[in-house]
N, C-alpha and C. Protein backbone atom coordinates (compact mmCIF):
# COMPACT_ATOMS: atom_id res chain seq x y z
N MET A 1 68.24 -86.22 83.05
CA MET A 1 68.23 -84.79 82.94
C MET A 1 69.58 -84.31 82.42
N ILE A 2 69.58 -83.44 81.46
CA ILE A 2 70.80 -82.90 80.88
C ILE A 2 71.09 -81.55 81.52
N ALA A 3 72.29 -81.42 82.07
CA ALA A 3 72.72 -80.15 82.66
C ALA A 3 73.46 -79.35 81.59
N MET A 4 73.03 -78.15 81.35
CA MET A 4 73.67 -77.29 80.35
C MET A 4 74.85 -76.56 80.99
N LYS A 5 76.02 -77.18 80.97
CA LYS A 5 77.24 -76.63 81.56
C LYS A 5 78.31 -76.53 80.48
N ASN A 6 79.25 -75.62 80.68
CA ASN A 6 80.39 -75.52 79.78
C ASN A 6 81.36 -76.66 80.11
N VAL A 7 81.67 -77.47 79.10
CA VAL A 7 82.53 -78.63 79.29
C VAL A 7 83.61 -78.63 78.22
N CYS A 8 84.81 -79.04 78.61
CA CYS A 8 85.93 -79.15 77.69
C CYS A 8 86.57 -80.52 77.91
N GLY A 9 86.85 -81.24 76.84
CA GLY A 9 87.45 -82.55 76.96
C GLY A 9 88.63 -82.71 76.01
N GLU A 10 89.51 -83.63 76.34
CA GLU A 10 90.69 -83.87 75.52
C GLU A 10 91.09 -85.34 75.63
N ASN A 11 91.53 -85.89 74.52
CA ASN A 11 92.11 -87.23 74.48
C ASN A 11 93.54 -87.10 73.98
N ALA A 12 94.45 -87.85 74.59
CA ALA A 12 95.84 -87.82 74.16
C ALA A 12 96.41 -89.23 74.25
N THR A 13 97.30 -89.56 73.33
CA THR A 13 97.99 -90.84 73.37
C THR A 13 99.48 -90.61 73.19
N ALA A 14 100.27 -91.48 73.78
CA ALA A 14 101.72 -91.40 73.65
C ALA A 14 102.29 -92.81 73.73
N THR A 15 103.43 -92.99 73.13
CA THR A 15 104.16 -94.25 73.24
C THR A 15 105.58 -93.93 73.68
N ILE A 16 106.01 -94.58 74.75
CA ILE A 16 107.38 -94.40 75.21
C ILE A 16 108.08 -95.76 75.18
N ARG A 17 109.40 -95.72 75.11
CA ARG A 17 110.18 -96.95 75.11
C ARG A 17 110.89 -97.08 76.46
N ARG A 18 110.76 -98.23 77.08
CA ARG A 18 111.40 -98.47 78.37
C ARG A 18 112.92 -98.28 78.28
N SER A 19 113.49 -98.70 77.18
CA SER A 19 114.94 -98.63 77.02
C SER A 19 115.46 -97.20 77.01
N ASP A 20 114.61 -96.23 76.65
CA ASP A 20 115.02 -94.82 76.68
C ASP A 20 115.29 -94.35 78.10
N PHE A 21 114.72 -95.04 79.09
CA PHE A 21 114.86 -94.65 80.49
C PHE A 21 115.68 -95.66 81.28
N GLY A 22 116.34 -96.56 80.60
CA GLY A 22 117.20 -97.54 81.26
C GLY A 22 116.42 -98.65 81.95
N ALA A 23 115.15 -98.79 81.66
CA ALA A 23 114.32 -99.83 82.29
C ALA A 23 114.24 -101.03 81.36
N ASP A 24 115.39 -101.59 81.03
CA ASP A 24 115.42 -102.70 80.08
C ASP A 24 115.93 -104.00 80.71
N LYS A 25 115.80 -104.12 82.02
CA LYS A 25 116.29 -105.31 82.71
C LYS A 25 115.59 -106.57 82.22
N TYR A 26 114.28 -106.50 82.01
CA TYR A 26 113.51 -107.65 81.56
C TYR A 26 113.12 -107.51 80.09
N ALA A 27 113.98 -106.91 79.30
CA ALA A 27 113.68 -106.61 77.90
C ALA A 27 113.21 -107.82 77.08
N PRO A 28 113.80 -108.98 77.22
CA PRO A 28 113.29 -110.09 76.40
C PRO A 28 111.88 -110.53 76.80
N THR A 29 111.51 -110.32 78.06
CA THR A 29 110.21 -110.78 78.55
C THR A 29 109.12 -109.73 78.38
N LEU A 30 109.42 -108.48 78.71
CA LEU A 30 108.45 -107.39 78.62
C LEU A 30 108.63 -106.61 77.33
N ALA A 31 107.56 -106.07 76.83
CA ALA A 31 107.64 -105.24 75.62
C ALA A 31 108.40 -103.95 75.92
N ASP A 32 109.15 -103.47 74.95
CA ASP A 32 109.91 -102.23 75.11
C ASP A 32 108.99 -101.01 75.01
N ALA A 33 107.97 -101.09 74.17
CA ALA A 33 107.07 -99.95 73.96
C ALA A 33 105.92 -100.00 74.98
N VAL A 34 105.63 -98.84 75.55
CA VAL A 34 104.51 -98.69 76.48
C VAL A 34 103.56 -97.65 75.91
N ASN A 35 102.32 -98.04 75.70
CA ASN A 35 101.31 -97.11 75.18
C ASN A 35 100.57 -96.47 76.35
N ILE A 36 100.42 -95.16 76.29
CA ILE A 36 99.73 -94.40 77.33
C ILE A 36 98.54 -93.69 76.69
N ALA A 37 97.38 -93.82 77.30
CA ALA A 37 96.18 -93.13 76.83
C ALA A 37 95.64 -92.27 77.96
N LEU A 38 95.44 -90.99 77.69
CA LEU A 38 94.92 -90.05 78.68
C LEU A 38 93.60 -89.47 78.20
N GLN A 39 92.66 -89.38 79.09
CA GLN A 39 91.38 -88.74 78.80
C GLN A 39 91.07 -87.81 79.96
N ILE A 40 90.69 -86.58 79.63
CA ILE A 40 90.38 -85.60 80.66
C ILE A 40 89.15 -84.80 80.25
N GLU A 41 88.37 -84.46 81.23
CA GLU A 41 87.19 -83.63 81.00
C GLU A 41 87.08 -82.63 82.14
N ALA A 42 86.85 -81.39 81.80
CA ALA A 42 86.71 -80.33 82.80
C ALA A 42 85.37 -79.64 82.61
N ARG A 43 84.78 -79.24 83.72
CA ARG A 43 83.48 -78.59 83.67
C ARG A 43 83.56 -77.28 84.44
N LYS A 44 83.02 -76.23 83.87
CA LYS A 44 82.97 -74.93 84.53
C LYS A 44 81.60 -74.78 85.16
N ASP A 45 81.59 -74.56 86.47
CA ASP A 45 80.31 -74.36 87.18
C ASP A 45 79.79 -72.96 87.01
């Protein structure tokens, strides 16, 4: 069954570097770049 509701969704991506925040202790072992993906959906009742 499909509910006819008002819905809004968004996708966002970002890449941050650990070294920008001083988190480079394990730099040779761990990647410096961290990819972040966010997905959100809101529904109005």
